[in-house]
Protein backbone atom coordinates (compact mmCIF):
# COMPACT_ATOMS: atom_id res chain seq x y z
CA MET A 1 -16.46 -9.42 -10.06
CA ASP A 2 -17.27 -8.85 -6.40
CA GLN A 3 -13.78 -8.59 -5.01
CA ILE A 4 -10.18 -7.88 -5.97
CA PHE A 5 -7.00 -8.33 -3.94
CA ILE A 6 -4.51 -5.53 -3.36
CA THR A 7 -1.17 -6.65 -1.95
CA VAL A 8 0.64 -3.86 -0.10
CA LYS A 9 4.33 -4.26 0.67
CA PHE A 10 5.59 -1.92 3.37
CA TYR A 11 9.25 -0.87 3.48
CA SER A 12 11.43 1.49 5.55
CA GLY A 13 10.10 0.18 8.88
CA ILE A 14 6.50 1.19 8.15
CA GLU A 15 5.30 -2.29 9.08
CA LYS A 16 6.77 -1.81 12.57
CA GLU A 17 4.88 1.44 13.05
CA LEU A 18 1.67 -0.30 12.01
CA LYS A 19 2.49 -3.15 14.42
CA ILE A 20 1.86 -5.86 11.85
CA ASP A 21 2.67 -9.20 13.48
CA ASP A 22 4.60 -11.80 11.47
CA TYR A 23 5.12 -9.43 8.53
CA ASP A 24 6.80 -11.07 5.53
CA MET A 25 8.27 -8.46 3.18
CA GLY A 26 8.17 -10.95 0.33
CA LYS A 27 4.43 -11.51 0.64
CA GLY A 28 3.21 -8.17 1.98
CA VAL A 29 -0.31 -7.76 3.31
CA VAL A 30 -3.27 -8.76 1.13
CA TYR A 31 -6.43 -6.67 1.37
CA PRO A 32 -9.63 -8.00 -0.23
CA VAL A 33 -11.52 -4.94 -1.53
CA LYS A 34 -14.25 -3.92 -3.96
CA PRO A 35 -13.19 -2.84 -7.46
CA GLY A 36 -12.90 0.93 -7.83
CA ILE A 37 -11.46 1.54 -4.36
CA ARG A 38 -8.81 4.24 -4.00
CA LEU A 39 -5.38 3.45 -2.61
CA ARG A 40 -5.86 6.01 0.17
CA ASN A 41 -8.84 4.03 1.53
CA ILE A 42 -6.79 0.85 1.64
CA LEU A 43 -3.92 2.62 3.40
CA LYS A 44 -6.24 4.19 5.97
CA LYS A 45 -7.69 0.74 6.61
CA ALA A 46 -4.11 -0.47 7.15
CA GLY A 47 -3.58 2.24 9.79
CA LEU A 48 -1.53 4.88 7.96
CA LYS A 49 -2.50 8.39 9.01
CA LYS A 50 -0.39 10.96 7.11
CA LEU A 51 -0.34 9.57 3.60
CA SER A 52 1.80 12.40 2.19
CA ARG A 53 4.82 11.10 4.14
CA PHE A 54 5.09 8.08 1.87
CA CYS A 55 5.47 7.28 -1.82
CA TYR A 56 3.71 4.48 -3.65
CA PHE A 57 4.60 2.35 -6.65
CA SER A 58 2.58 -0.14 -8.70
CA ASP A 59 3.44 -1.85 -12.01
CA GLY A 60 6.84 -0.15 -12.08
CA ALA A 61 5.48 3.40 -11.86
CA ARG A 62 4.92 5.89 -9.07
CA ILE A 63 1.24 6.30 -8.24
CA SER A 64 -0.87 8.69 -6.20
CA SER A 65 -2.91 7.75 -3.17
CA TRP A 66 -5.92 8.78 -5.30
CA LYS A 67 -5.39 5.90 -7.77
CA LYS A 68 -8.38 3.62 -8.22
CA PHE A 69 -7.92 -0.13 -8.60
CA TYR A 70 -10.19 -2.24 -10.77
CA VAL A 71 -8.02 -5.38 -10.95
CA SER A 72 -5.88 -7.17 -8.36
CA SER A 73 -2.53 -5.40 -8.00
CA GLU A 74 0.61 -5.09 -5.89
CA VAL A 75 1.61 -1.77 -4.29
CA SER A 76 4.92 -0.86 -2.64
CA CYS A 77 4.80 1.74 0.11
CA LEU A 78 8.06 3.50 1.05
CA ARG A 79 9.04 6.33 3.31
CA ILE A 80 10.23 9.37 1.38
CA SER A 81 13.92 9.95 1.94
CA GLY A 82 16.58 12.10 0.39
CA GLY A 83 20.27 12.53 0.39
CA GLY A 84 23.19 13.23 -1.75
């Protein structure tokens, strides 16, 4: 397999910071990548600089930016927020 597809869905206004034109939250942004790539490399390619400011989820679980992908997947990227 030469290529997999990672769909990244940006929330919390992140897509506006990245200046993604015609962003559709339902579809996200699809990145064709080689198997074994780390999430952090995909996010840097997308334009995110300080990766620790965000949290990431895939397959219903929180993941690290160091996660490697070997199959096509969907990732949600959210700004960390708190409150009570």
